[in-house]
Amino acid sequence: LASQGDPSDRAVMIAQTMDPVRCNKGMRVLPDHSFDDHPDLDV
């Protein structure tokens, strides 16, 4: 979308807290937001 000059969407990772999340196969992910501070969501 951005390459076409259109407004681009955004994706954010949200968890209950801002602590790192350890996933099923061991990957660790840092949330962008907690349940208390995320932007309004469409999806």
PDB file of all heavy atoms in Angstrom:
ATOM      1  N   LEU A   1       0.832  -1.204   0.000  1.00  0.00           N
ATOM      2  CA  LEU A   1       0.000   0.000   0.000  1.00  0.00           C
ATOM      3  C   LEU A   1       0.867   1.255   0.000  1.00  0.00           C
ATOM      4  O   LEU A   1       0.621   2.202  -0.764  1.00  0.00           O
ATOM      5  CB  LEU A   1      -0.925   0.002   1.217  1.00  0.00           C
ATOM      6  CG  LEU A   1      -2.087  -0.990   1.210  1.00  0.00           C
ATOM      7  CD1 LEU A   1      -2.720  -1.071   2.592  1.00  0.00           C
ATOM      8  CD2 LEU A   1      -3.134  -0.592   0.170  1.00  0.00           C
ATOM      9  N   ALA A   2       1.886   1.271   0.852  1.00  0.00           N
ATOM     10  CA  ALA A   2       2.771   2.431   0.941  1.00  0.00           C
ATOM     11  C   ALA A   2       3.490   2.671  -0.386  1.00  0.00           C
ATOM     12  O   ALA A   2       3.678   3.822  -0.800  1.00  0.00           O
ATOM     13  CB  ALA A   2       3.772   2.240   2.071  1.00  0.00           C
ATOM     14  N   SER A   3       3.879   1.594  -1.065  1.00  0.00           N
ATOM     15  CA  SER A   3       4.581   1.738  -2.343  1.00  0.00           C
ATOM     16  C   SER A   3       3.687   2.332  -3.428  1.00  0.00           C
ATOM     17  O   SER A   3       4.182   2.898  -4.400  1.00  0.00           O
ATOM     18  CB  SER A   3       5.127   0.381  -2.804  1.00  0.00           C
ATOM     19  OG  SER A   3       4.087  -0.461  -3.287  1.00  0.00           O
ATOM     20  N   GLN A   4       2.381   2.185  -3.226  1.00  0.00           N
ATOM     21  CA  GLN A   4       1.413   2.746  -4.172  1.00  0.00           C
ATOM     22  C   GLN A   4       0.958   4.151  -3.775  1.00  0.00           C
ATOM     23  O   GLN A   4       0.096   4.741  -4.421  1.00  0.00           O
ATOM     24  CB  GLN A   4       0.192   1.826  -4.274  1.00  0.00           C
ATOM     25  CG  GLN A   4       0.508   0.399  -4.679  1.00  0.00           C
ATOM     26  CD  GLN A   4       1.126   0.317  -6.058  1.00  0.00           C
ATOM     27  OE1 GLN A   4       0.572   0.812  -7.032  1.00  0.00           O
ATOM     28  NE2 GLN A   4       2.304  -0.299  -6.149  1.00  0.00           N
ATOM     29  N   GLY A   5       1.517   4.654  -2.673  1.00  0.00           N
ATOM     30  CA  GLY A   5       1.136   5.978  -2.195  1.00  0.00           C
ATOM     31  C   GLY A   5      -0.154   5.999  -1.403  1.00  0.00           C
ATOM     32  O   GLY A   5      -0.720   7.066  -1.159  1.00  0.00           O
ATOM     33  N   ASP A   6      -0.620   4.831  -0.976  1.00  0.00           N
ATOM     34  CA  ASP A   6      -1.866   4.736  -0.207  1.00  0.00           C
ATOM     35  C   ASP A   6      -1.557   4.657   1.291  1.00  0.00           C
ATOM     36  O   ASP A   6      -0.473   4.211   1.685  1.00  0.00           O
ATOM     37  CB  ASP A   6      -2.654   3.491  -0.620  1.00  0.00           C
ATOM     38  CG  ASP A   6      -3.117   3.564  -2.068  1.00  0.00           C
ATOM     39  OD1 ASP A   6      -3.496   4.664  -2.506  1.00  0.00           O
ATOM     40  OD2 ASP A   6      -3.092   2.516  -2.744  1.00  0.00           O
ATOM     41  N   PRO A   7      -2.511   5.064   2.141  1.00  0.00           N
ATOM     42  CA  PRO A   7      -2.305   4.907   3.589  1.00  0.00           C
ATOM     43  C   PRO A   7      -2.109   3.430   3.922  1.00  0.00           C
ATOM     44  O   PRO A   7      -2.856   2.571   3.438  1.00  0.00           O
ATOM     45  CB  PRO A   7      -3.605   5.442   4.195  1.00  0.00           C
ATOM     46  CG  PRO A   7      -4.200   6.315   3.134  1.00  0.00           C
ATOM     47  CD  PRO A   7      -3.797   5.709   1.824  1.00  0.00           C
ATOM     48  N   SER A   8      -1.101   3.125   4.720  1.00  0.00           N
ATOM     49  CA  SER A   8      -0.807   1.724   5.008  1.00  0.00           C
ATOM     50  C   SER A   8      -1.426   1.295   6.333  1.00  0.00           C
ATOM     51  O   SER A   8      -1.626   2.107   7.233  1.00  0.00           O
ATOM     52  CB  SER A   8       0.705   1.484   5.040  1.00  0.00           C
ATOM     53  OG  SER A   8       1.316   2.260   6.040  1.00  0.00           O
ATOM     54  N   ASP A   9      -1.746   0.026   6.405  1.00  0.00           N
ATOM     55  CA  ASP A   9      -2.274  -0.555   7.631  1.00  0.00           C
ATOM     56  C   ASP A   9      -1.135  -0.745   8.622  1.00  0.00           C
ATOM     57  O   ASP A   9       0.044  -0.599   8.287  1.00  0.00           O
ATOM     58  CB  ASP A   9      -2.915  -1.910   7.342  1.00  0.00           C
ATOM     59  CG  ASP A   9      -4.080  -1.795   6.363  1.00  0.00           C
ATOM     60  OD1 ASP A   9      -4.703  -0.727   6.306  1.00  0.00           O
ATOM     61  OD2 ASP A   9      -4.336  -2.788   5.655  1.00  0.00           O
ATOM     62  N   ARG A  10      -1.491  -1.080   9.865  1.00  0.00           N
ATOM     63  CA  ARG A  10      -0.456  -1.406  10.845  1.00  0.00           C
ATOM     64  C   ARG A  10      -0.901  -2.600  11.657  1.00  0.00           C
ATOM     65  O   ARG A  10      -2.097  -2.848  11.857  1.00  0.00           O
ATOM     66  CB  ARG A  10      -0.157  -0.223  11.757  1.00  0.00           C
ATOM     67  CG  ARG A  10      -1.295   0.206  12.658  1.00  0.00           C
ATOM     68  CD  ARG A  10      -0.828   1.260  13.636  1.00  0.00           C
ATOM     69  NE  ARG A  10      -1.950   1.861  14.342  1.00  0.00           N
ATOM     70  CZ  ARG A  10      -1.827   2.586  15.448  1.00  0.00           C
ATOM     71  NH1 ARG A  10      -0.634   2.802  15.954  1.00  0.00           N
ATOM     72  NH2 ARG A  10      -2.879   3.094  16.032  1.00  0.00           N
ATOM     73  N   ALA A  11       0.098  -3.352  12.125  1.00  0.00           N
ATOM     74  CA  ALA A  11      -0.143  -4.510  12.979  1.00  0.00           C
ATOM     75  C   ALA A  11       0.633  -4.332  14.268  1.00  0.00           C
ATOM     76  O   ALA A  11       1.792  -3.906  14.243  1.00  0.00           O
ATOM     77  CB  ALA A  11       0.285  -5.792  12.279  1.00  0.00           C
ATOM     78  N   VAL A  12      -0.008  -4.632  15.388  1.00  0.00           N
ATOM     79  CA  VAL A  12       0.642  -4.528  16.690  1.00  0.00           C
ATOM     80  C   VAL A  12       0.436  -5.829  17.454  1.00  0.00           C
ATOM     81  O   VAL A  12      -0.596  -6.487  17.332  1.00  0.00           O
ATOM     82  CB  VAL A  12       0.102  -3.338  17.517  1.00  0.00           C
ATOM     83  CG1 VAL A  12       0.474  -2.017  16.862  1.00  0.00           C
ATOM     84  CG2 VAL A  12      -1.407  -3.427  17.724  1.00  0.00           C
ATOM     85  N   MET A  13       1.452  -6.194  18.231  1.00  0.00           N
ATOM     86  CA  MET A  13       1.392  -7.372  19.092  1.00  0.00           C
ATOM     87  C   MET A  13       0.932  -6.940  20.484  1.00  0.00           C
ATOM     88  O   MET A  13       1.492  -6.002  21.074  1.00  0.00           O
ATOM     89  CB  MET A  13       2.765  -8.022  19.205  1.00  0.00           C
ATOM     90  CG  MET A  13       3.363  -8.462  17.882  1.00  0.00           C
ATOM     91  SD  MET A  13       2.624  -9.994  17.295  1.00  0.00           S
ATOM     92  CE  MET A  13       3.781 -10.407  15.980  1.00  0.00           C
ATOM     93  N   ILE A  14      -0.075  -7.624  21.013  1.00  0.00           N
ATOM     94  CA  ILE A  14      -0.675  -7.241  22.287  1.00  0.00           C
ATOM     95  C   ILE A  14      -0.692  -8.442  23.223  1.00  0.00           C
ATOM     96  O   ILE A  14      -1.109  -9.539  22.840  1.00  0.00           O
ATOM     97  CB  ILE A  14      -2.111  -6.721  22.084  1.00  0.00           C
ATOM     98  CG1 ILE A  14      -2.125  -5.544  21.108  1.00  0.00           C
ATOM     99  CG2 ILE A  14      -2.741  -6.325  23.423  1.00  0.00           C
ATOM    100  CD1 ILE A  14      -3.521  -5.100  20.698  1.00  0.00           C
ATOM    101  N   ALA A  15      -0.236  -8.234  24.449  1.00  0.00           N
ATOM    102  CA  ALA A  15      -0.272  -9.285  25.473  1.00  0.00           C
ATOM    103  C   ALA A  15      -0.819  -8.705  26.770  1.00  0.00           C
ATOM    104  O   ALA A  15      -0.983  -7.487  26.899  1.00  0.00           O
ATOM    105  CB  ALA A  15       1.124  -9.866  25.692  1.00  0.00           C
ATOM    106  N   GLN A  16      -1.100  -9.571  27.702  1.00  0.00           N
ATOM    107  CA  GLN A  16      -1.674  -9.119  28.972  1.00  0.00           C
ATOM    108  C   GLN A  16      -0.731  -8.156  29.694  1.00  0.00           C
ATOM    109  O   GLN A  16      -1.174  -7.170  30.301  1.00  0.00           O
ATOM    110  CB  GLN A  16      -1.998 -10.322  29.862  1.00  0.00           C
ATOM    111  CG  GLN A  16      -2.737  -9.957  31.138  1.00  0.00           C
ATOM    112  CD  GLN A  16      -3.298 -11.185  31.840  1.00  0.00           C
ATOM    113  OE1 GLN A  16      -3.509 -12.229  31.233  1.00  0.00           O
ATOM    114  NE2 GLN A  16      -3.542 -11.068  33.131  1.00  0.00           N
ATOM    115  N   THR A  17       0.566  -8.442  29.627  1.00  0.00           N
ATOM    116  CA  THR A  17       1.577  -7.560  30.210  1.00  0.00           C
ATOM    117  C   THR A  17       2.647  -7.305  29.157  1.00  0.00           C
ATOM    118  O   THR A  17       2.614  -7.885  28.063  1.00  0.00           O
ATOM    119  CB  THR A  17       2.225  -8.180  31.459  1.00  0.00           C
ATOM    120  OG1 THR A  17       3.072  -9.272  31.054  1.00  0.00           O
ATOM    121  CG2 THR A  17       1.170  -8.676  32.443  1.00  0.00           C
ATOM    122  N   MET A  18       3.611  -6.477  29.493  1.00  0.00           N
ATOM    123  CA  MET A  18       4.697  -6.182  28.562  1.00  0.00           C
ATOM    124  C   MET A  18       5.874  -7.148  28.712  1.00  0.00           C
ATOM    125  O   MET A  18       6.918  -6.961  28.084  1.00  0.00           O
ATOM    126  CB  MET A  18       5.172  -4.741  28.772  1.00  0.00           C
ATOM    127  CG  MET A  18       4.139  -3.697  28.401  1.00  0.00           C
ATOM    128  SD  MET A  18       3.667  -3.777  26.648  1.00  0.00           S
ATOM    129  CE  MET A  18       5.186  -3.219  25.873  1.00  0.00           C
ATOM    130  N   ASP A  19       5.710  -8.185  29.510  1.00  0.00           N
ATOM    131  CA  ASP A  19       6.773  -9.176  29.653  1.00  0.00           C
ATOM    132  C   ASP A  19       6.976  -9.936  28.343  1.00  0.00           C
ATOM    133  O   ASP A  19       6.032 -10.116  27.564  1.00  0.00           O
ATOM    134  CB  ASP A  19       6.423 -10.177  30.753  1.00  0.00           C
ATOM    135  CG  ASP A  19       6.368  -9.540  32.132  1.00  0.00           C
ATOM    136  OD1 ASP A  19       7.020  -8.494  32.317  1.00  0.00           O
ATOM    137  OD2 ASP A  19       5.667 -10.091  32.999  1.00  0.00           O
ATOM    138  N   PRO A  20       8.203 -10.417  28.070  1.00  0.00           N
ATOM    139  CA  PRO A  20       8.423 -11.242  26.883  1.00  0.00           C
ATOM    140  C   PRO A  20       7.518 -12.478  26.906  1.00  0.00           C
ATOM    141  O   PRO A  20       7.257 -13.052  27.957  1.00  0.00           O
ATOM    142  CB  PRO A  20       9.902 -11.638  26.988  1.00  0.00           C
ATOM    143  CG  PRO A  20      10.517 -10.579  27.842  1.00  0.00           C
ATOM    144  CD  PRO A  20       9.451 -10.187  28.827  1.00  0.00           C
ATOM    145  N   VAL A  21       7.055 -12.864  25.740  1.00  0.00           N
ATOM    146  CA  VAL A  21       6.198 -14.036  25.595  1.00  0.00           C
ATOM    147  C   VAL A  21       7.034 -15.167  25.011  1.00  0.00           C
ATOM    148  O   VAL A  21       7.697 -14.994  23.981  1.00  0.00           O
ATOM    149  CB  VAL A  21       4.999 -13.725  24.675  1.00  0.00           C
ATOM    150  CG1 VAL A  21       4.200 -14.996  24.385  1.00  0.00           C
ATOM    151  CG2 VAL A  21       4.108 -12.659  25.303  1.00  0.00           C
ATOM    152  N   ARG A  22       7.023 -16.311  25.669  1.00  0.00           N
ATOM    153  CA  ARG A  22       7.724 -17.488  25.145  1.00  0.00           C
ATOM    154  C   ARG A  22       6.708 -18.360  24.415  1.00  0.00           C
ATOM    155  O   ARG A  22       5.759 -18.870  25.017  1.00  0.00           O
ATOM    156  CB  ARG A  22       8.395 -18.272  26.269  1.00  0.00           C
ATOM    157  CG  ARG A  22       9.227 -19.452  25.760  1.00  0.00           C
ATOM    158  CD  ARG A  22       9.935 -20.180  26.895  1.00  0.00           C
ATOM    159  NE  ARG A  22      10.651 -21.341  26.416  1.00  0.00           N
ATOM    160  CZ  ARG A  22      11.887 -21.309  25.911  1.00  0.00           C
ATOM    161  NH1 ARG A  22      12.532 -20.165  25.835  1.00  0.00           N
ATOM    162  NH2 ARG A  22      12.473 -22.421  25.492  1.00  0.00           N
ATOM    163  N   CYS A  23       6.932 -18.557  23.132  1.00  0.00           N
ATOM    164  CA  CYS A  23       5.954 -19.248  22.297  1.00  0.00           C
ATOM    165  C   CYS A  23       6.152 -20.764  22.326  1.00  0.00           C
ATOM    166  O   CYS A  23       7.055 -21.277  22.987  1.00  0.00           O
ATOM    167  CB  CYS A  23       6.037 -18.715  20.877  1.00  0.00           C
ATOM    168  SG  CYS A  23       5.699 -16.938  20.767  1.00  0.00           S
ATOM    169  N   ASN A  24       5.305 -21.463  21.606  1.00  0.00           N
ATOM    170  CA  ASN A  24       5.200 -22.917  21.696  1.00  0.00           C
ATOM    171  C   ASN A  24       6.497 -23.643  21.356  1.00  0.00           C
ATOM    172  O   ASN A  24       6.835 -24.647  21.975  1.00  0.00           O
ATOM    173  CB  ASN A  24       4.072 -23.392  20.766  1.00  0.00           C
ATOM    174  CG  ASN A  24       3.454 -24.692  21.198  1.00  0.00           C
ATOM    175  OD1 ASN A  24       3.212 -24.918  22.373  1.00  0.00           O
ATOM    176  ND2 ASN A  24       3.177 -25.551  20.235  1.00  0.00           N
ATOM    177  N   LYS A  25       7.229 -23.142  20.356  1.00  0.00           N
ATOM    178  CA  LYS A  25       8.467 -23.787  19.938  1.00  0.00           C
ATOM    179  C   LYS A  25       9.702 -23.079  20.490  1.00  0.00           C
ATOM    180  O   LYS A  25      10.818 -23.377  20.082  1.00  0.00           O
ATOM    181  CB  LYS A  25       8.546 -23.819  18.408  1.00  0.00           C
ATOM    182  CG  LYS A  25       7.374 -24.500  17.709  1.00  0.00           C
ATOM    183  CD  LYS A  25       7.312 -25.981  18.005  1.00  0.00           C
ATOM    184  CE  LYS A  25       6.383 -26.717  17.038  1.00  0.00           C
ATOM    185  NZ  LYS A  25       5.002 -26.217  17.039  1.00  0.00           N
ATOM    186  N   GLY A  26       9.503 -22.112  21.388  1.00  0.00           N
ATOM    187  CA  GLY A  26      10.625 -21.474  22.041  1.00  0.00           C
ATOM    188  C   GLY A  26      10.937 -20.051  21.608  1.00  0.00           C
ATOM    189  O   GLY A  26      11.776 -19.389  22.224  1.00  0.00           O
ATOM    190  N   MET A  27      10.318 -19.574  20.515  1.00  0.00           N
ATOM    191  CA  MET A  27      10.545 -18.193  20.104  1.00  0.00           C
ATOM    192  C   MET A  27      10.083 -17.237  21.198  1.00  0.00           C
ATOM    193  O   MET A  27       9.030 -17.452  21.809  1.00  0.00           O
ATOM    194  CB  MET A  27       9.768 -17.886  18.817  1.00  0.00           C
ATOM    195  CG  MET A  27       9.893 -16.455  18.336  1.00  0.00           C
ATOM    196  SD  MET A  27       8.774 -16.085  16.951  1.00  0.00           S
ATOM    197  CE  MET A  27       9.572 -16.988  15.631  1.00  0.00           C
ATOM    198  N   ARG A  28      10.879 -16.198  21.437  1.00  0.00           N
ATOM    199  CA  ARG A  28      10.496 -15.175  22.409  1.00  0.00           C
ATOM    200  C   ARG A  28      10.112 -13.906  21.674  1.00  0.00           C
ATOM    201  O   ARG A  28      10.829 -13.467  20.770  1.00  0.00           O
ATOM    202  CB  ARG A  28      11.635 -14.905  23.378  1.00  0.00           C
ATOM    203  CG  ARG A  28      11.984 -16.106  24.243  1.00  0.00           C
ATOM    204  CD  ARG A  28      13.079 -15.789  25.228  1.00  0.00           C
ATOM    205  NE  ARG A  28      13.485 -16.981  25.957  1.00  0.00           N
ATOM    206  CZ  ARG A  28      14.414 -16.982  26.910  1.00  0.00           C
ATOM    207  NH1 ARG A  28      15.018 -15.847  27.249  1.00  0.00           N
ATOM    208  NH2 ARG A  28      14.740 -18.098  27.529  1.00  0.00           N
ATOM    209  N   VAL A  29       9.006 -13.324  22.062  1.00  0.00           N
ATOM    210  CA  VAL A  29       8.463 -12.158  21.366  1.00  0.00           C
ATOM    211  C   VAL A  29       8.172 -11.068  22.384  1.00  0.00           C
ATOM    212  O   VAL A  29       7.650 -11.338  23.474  1.00  0.00           O
ATOM    213  CB  VAL A  29       7.165 -12.524  20.602  1.00  0.00           C
ATOM    214  CG1 VAL A  29       6.637 -11.318  19.836  1.00  0.00           C
ATOM    215  CG2 VAL A  29       7.412 -13.696  19.656  1.00  0.00           C
ATOM    216  N   LEU A  30       8.492  -9.831  22.018  1.00  0.00           N
ATOM    217  CA  LEU A  30       8.188  -8.686  22.869  1.00  0.00           C
ATOM    218  C   LEU A  30       6.895  -8.025  22.395  1.00  0.00           C
ATOM    219  O   LEU A  30       6.800  -7.635  21.233  1.00  0.00           O
ATOM    220  CB  LEU A  30       9.333  -7.660  22.816  1.00  0.00           C
ATOM    221  CG  LEU A  30      10.673  -8.112  23.378  1.00  0.00           C
ATOM    222  CD1 LEU A  30      11.716  -7.018  23.143  1.00  0.00           C
ATOM    223  CD2 LEU A  30      10.562  -8.447  24.856  1.00  0.00           C
ATOM    224  N   PRO A  31       5.909  -7.904  23.250  1.00  0.00           N
ATOM    225  CA  PRO A  31       4.665  -7.227  22.861  1.00  0.00           C
ATOM    226  C   PRO A  31       4.925  -5.742  22.585  1.00  0.00           C
ATOM    227  O   PRO A  31       5.824  -5.129  23.162  1.00  0.00           O
ATOM    228  CB  PRO A  31       3.753  -7.389  24.084  1.00  0.00           C
ATOM    229  CG  PRO A  31       4.386  -8.455  24.915  1.00  0.00           C
ATOM    230  CD  PRO A  31       5.851  -8.407  24.638  1.00  0.00           C
ATOM    231  N   ASP A  32       4.104  -5.178  21.701  1.00  0.00           N
ATOM    232  CA  ASP A  32       4.122  -3.724  21.473  1.00  0.00           C
ATOM    233  C   ASP A  32       3.277  -3.000  22.507  1.00  0.00           C
ATOM    234  O   ASP A  32       3.562  -1.855  22.860  1.00  0.00           O
ATOM    235  CB  ASP A  32       3.563  -3.401  20.077  1.00  0.00           C
ATOM    236  CG  ASP A  32       4.387  -4.010  18.968  1.00  0.00           C
ATOM    237  OD1 ASP A  32       5.602  -3.746  18.926  1.00  0.00           O
ATOM    238  OD2 ASP A  32       3.822  -4.765  18.144  1.00  0.00           O
ATOM    239  N   HIS A  33       2.229  -3.679  22.969  1.00  0.00           N
ATOM    240  CA  HIS A  33       1.281  -3.055  23.890  1.00  0.00           C
ATOM    241  C   HIS A  33       0.754  -4.101  24.858  1.00  0.00           C
ATOM    242  O   HIS A  33       0.761  -5.305  24.576  1.00  0.00           O
ATOM    243  CB  HIS A  33       0.082  -2.442  23.135  1.00  0.00           C
ATOM    244  CG  HIS A  33       0.456  -1.385  22.157  1.00  0.00           C
ATOM    245  ND1 HIS A  33       0.717  -0.085  22.520  1.00  0.00           N
ATOM    246  CD2 HIS A  33       0.617  -1.439  20.804  1.00  0.00           C
ATOM    247  CE1 HIS A  33       1.013   0.623  21.443  1.00  0.00           C
ATOM    248  NE2 HIS A  33       0.959  -0.172  20.398  1.00  0.00           N
ATOM    249  N   SER A  34       0.249  -3.631  25.984  1.00  0.00           N
ATOM    250  CA  SER A  34      -0.470  -4.494  26.916  1.00  0.00           C
ATOM    251  C   SER A  34      -1.970  -4.302  26.705  1.00  0.00           C
ATOM    252  O   SER A  34      -2.402  -3.470  25.905  1.00  0.00           O
ATOM    253  CB  SER A  34      -0.095  -4.149  28.360  1.00  0.00           C
ATOM    254  OG  SER A  34      -0.686  -2.913  28.732  1.00  0.00           O
ATOM    255  N   PHE A  35      -2.755  -5.063  27.452  1.00  0.00           N
ATOM    256  CA  PHE A  35      -4.207  -4.914  27.369  1.00  0.00           C
ATOM    257  C   PHE A  35      -4.659  -3.506  27.742  1.00  0.00           C
ATOM    258  O   PHE A  35      -5.750  -3.083  27.358  1.00  0.00           O
ATOM    259  CB  PHE A  35      -4.899  -5.911  28.313  1.00  0.00           C
ATOM    260  CG  PHE A  35      -4.823  -7.344  27.879  1.00  0.00           C
ATOM    261  CD1 PHE A  35      -5.259  -8.360  28.718  1.00  0.00           C
ATOM    262  CD2 PHE A  35      -4.321  -7.708  26.632  1.00  0.00           C
ATOM    263  CE1 PHE A  35      -5.210  -9.691  28.340  1.00  0.00           C
ATOM    264  CE2 PHE A  35      -4.257  -9.036  26.238  1.00  0.00           C
ATOM    265  CZ  PHE A  35      -4.702 -10.026  27.103  1.00  0.00           C
ATOM    266  N   ASP A  36      -3.836  -2.788  28.478  1.00  0.00           N
ATOM    267  CA  ASP A  36      -4.237  -1.486  29.006  1.00  0.00           C
ATOM    268  C   ASP A  36      -3.828  -0.299  28.152  1.00  0.00           C
ATOM    269  O   ASP A  36      -4.291   0.817  28.401  1.00  0.00           O
ATOM    270  CB  ASP A  36      -3.648  -1.286  30.417  1.00  0.00           C
ATOM    271  CG  ASP A  36      -4.153  -2.328  31.397  1.00  0.00           C
ATOM    272  OD1 ASP A  36      -5.340  -2.694  31.310  1.00  0.00           O
ATOM    273  OD2 ASP A  36      -3.353  -2.782  32.243  1.00  0.00           O
ATOM    274  N   ASP A  37      -2.964  -0.510  27.138  1.00  0.00           N
ATOM    275  CA  ASP A  37      -2.436   0.683  26.459  1.00  0.00           C
ATOM    276  C   ASP A  37      -2.359   0.573  24.934  1.00  0.00           C
ATOM    277  O   ASP A  37      -1.593   1.280  24.291  1.00  0.00           O
ATOM    278  CB  ASP A  37      -1.043   1.026  27.005  1.00  0.00           C
ATOM    279  CG  ASP A  37       0.025   0.038  26.539  1.00  0.00           C
ATOM    280  OD1 ASP A  37      -0.324  -1.026  25.978  1.00  0.00           O
ATOM    281  OD2 ASP A  37       1.218   0.341  26.723  1.00  0.00           O
ATOM    282  N   HIS A  38      -3.142  -0.301  24.346  1.00  0.00           N
ATOM    283  CA  HIS A  38      -3.070  -0.482  22.892  1.00  0.00           C
ATOM    284  C   HIS A  38      -3.971   0.525  22.172  1.00  0.00           C
ATOM    285  O   HIS A  38      -4.916   1.066  22.760  1.00  0.00           O
ATOM    286  CB  HIS A  38      -3.476  -1.911  22.512  1.00  0.00           C
ATOM    287  CG  HIS A  38      -4.862  -2.280  22.931  1.00  0.00           C
ATOM    288  ND1 HIS A  38      -5.986  -1.927  22.220  1.00  0.00           N
ATOM    289  CD2 HIS A  38      -5.309  -2.977  24.012  1.00  0.00           C
ATOM    290  CE1 HIS A  38      -7.055  -2.383  22.818  1.00  0.00           C
ATOM    291  NE2 HIS A  38      -6.679  -3.020  23.919  1.00  0.00           N
ATOM    292  N   PRO A  39      -3.713   0.754  20.887  1.00  0.00           N
ATOM    293  CA  PRO A  39      -4.584   1.643  20.113  1.00  0.00           C
ATOM    294  C   PRO A  39      -5.932   0.982  19.836  1.00  0.00           C
ATOM    295  O   PRO A  39      -6.114  -0.215  20.068  1.00  0.00           O
ATOM    296  CB  PRO A  39      -3.797   1.846  18.812  1.00  0.00           C
ATOM    297  CG  PRO A  39      -2.959   0.609  18.688  1.00  0.00           C
ATOM    298  CD  PRO A  39      -2.592   0.223  20.096  1.00  0.00           C
ATOM    299  N   ASP A  40      -6.868   1.756  19.330  1.00  0.00           N
ATOM    300  CA  ASP A  40      -8.140   1.188  18.893  1.00  0.00           C
ATOM    301  C   ASP A  40      -7.879   0.188  17.772  1.00  0.00           C
ATOM    302  O   ASP A  40      -7.053   0.434  16.880  1.00  0.00           O
ATOM    303  CB  ASP A  40      -9.077   2.288  18.398  1.00  0.00           C
ATOM    304  CG  ASP A  40      -9.558   3.195  19.526  1.00  0.00           C
ATOM    305  OD1 ASP A  40      -9.515   2.763  20.693  1.00  0.00           O
ATOM    306  OD2 ASP A  40      -9.960   4.336  19.236  1.00  0.00           O
ATOM    307  N   LEU A  41      -8.590  -0.926  17.809  1.00  0.00           N
ATOM    308  CA  LEU A  41      -8.354  -2.000  16.860  1.00  0.00           C
ATOM    309  C   LEU A  41      -9.530  -2.178  15.913  1.00  0.00           C
ATOM    310  O   LEU A  41     -10.691  -2.073  16.317  1.00  0.00           O
ATOM    311  CB  LEU A  41      -8.107  -3.320  17.601  1.00  0.00           C
ATOM    312  CG  LEU A  41      -6.972  -3.329  18.630  1.00  0.00           C
ATOM    313  CD1 LEU A  41      -6.908  -4.686  19.328  1.00  0.00           C
ATOM    314  CD2 LEU A  41      -5.634  -2.996  17.980  1.00  0.00           C
ATOM    315  N   ASP A  42      -9.202  -2.464  14.671  1.00  0.00           N
ATOM    316  CA  ASP A  42     -10.219  -2.819  13.679  1.00  0.00           C
ATOM    317  C   ASP A  42     -10.335  -4.331  13.529  1.00  0.00           C
ATOM    318  O   ASP A  42     -11.398  -4.845  13.195  1.00  0.00           O
ATOM    319  CB  ASP A  42      -9.860  -2.199  12.323  1.00  0.00           C
ATOM    320  CG  ASP A  42      -9.740  -0.695  12.386  1.00  0.00           C
ATOM    321  OD1 ASP A  42     -10.763  -0.040  12.657  1.00  0.00           O
ATOM    322  OD2 ASP A  42      -8.626  -0.179  12.192  1.00  0.00           O
ATOM    323  N   VAL A  43      -9.231  -5.019  13.759  1.00  0.00           N
ATOM    324  CA  VAL A  43      -9.177  -6.472  13.607  1.00  0.00           C
ATOM    325  C   VAL A  43      -8.430  -7.058  14.801  1.00  0.00           C
ATOM    326  O   VAL A  43      -7.393  -6.528  15.207  1.00  0.00           O
ATOM    327  CB  VAL A  43      -8.444  -6.879  12.310  1.00  0.00           C
ATOM    328  CG1 VAL A  43      -8.394  -8.399  12.169  1.00  0.00           C
ATOM    329  CG2 VAL A  43      -9.102  -6.250  11.090  1.00  0.00           C
TER     330      VAL A  43
END
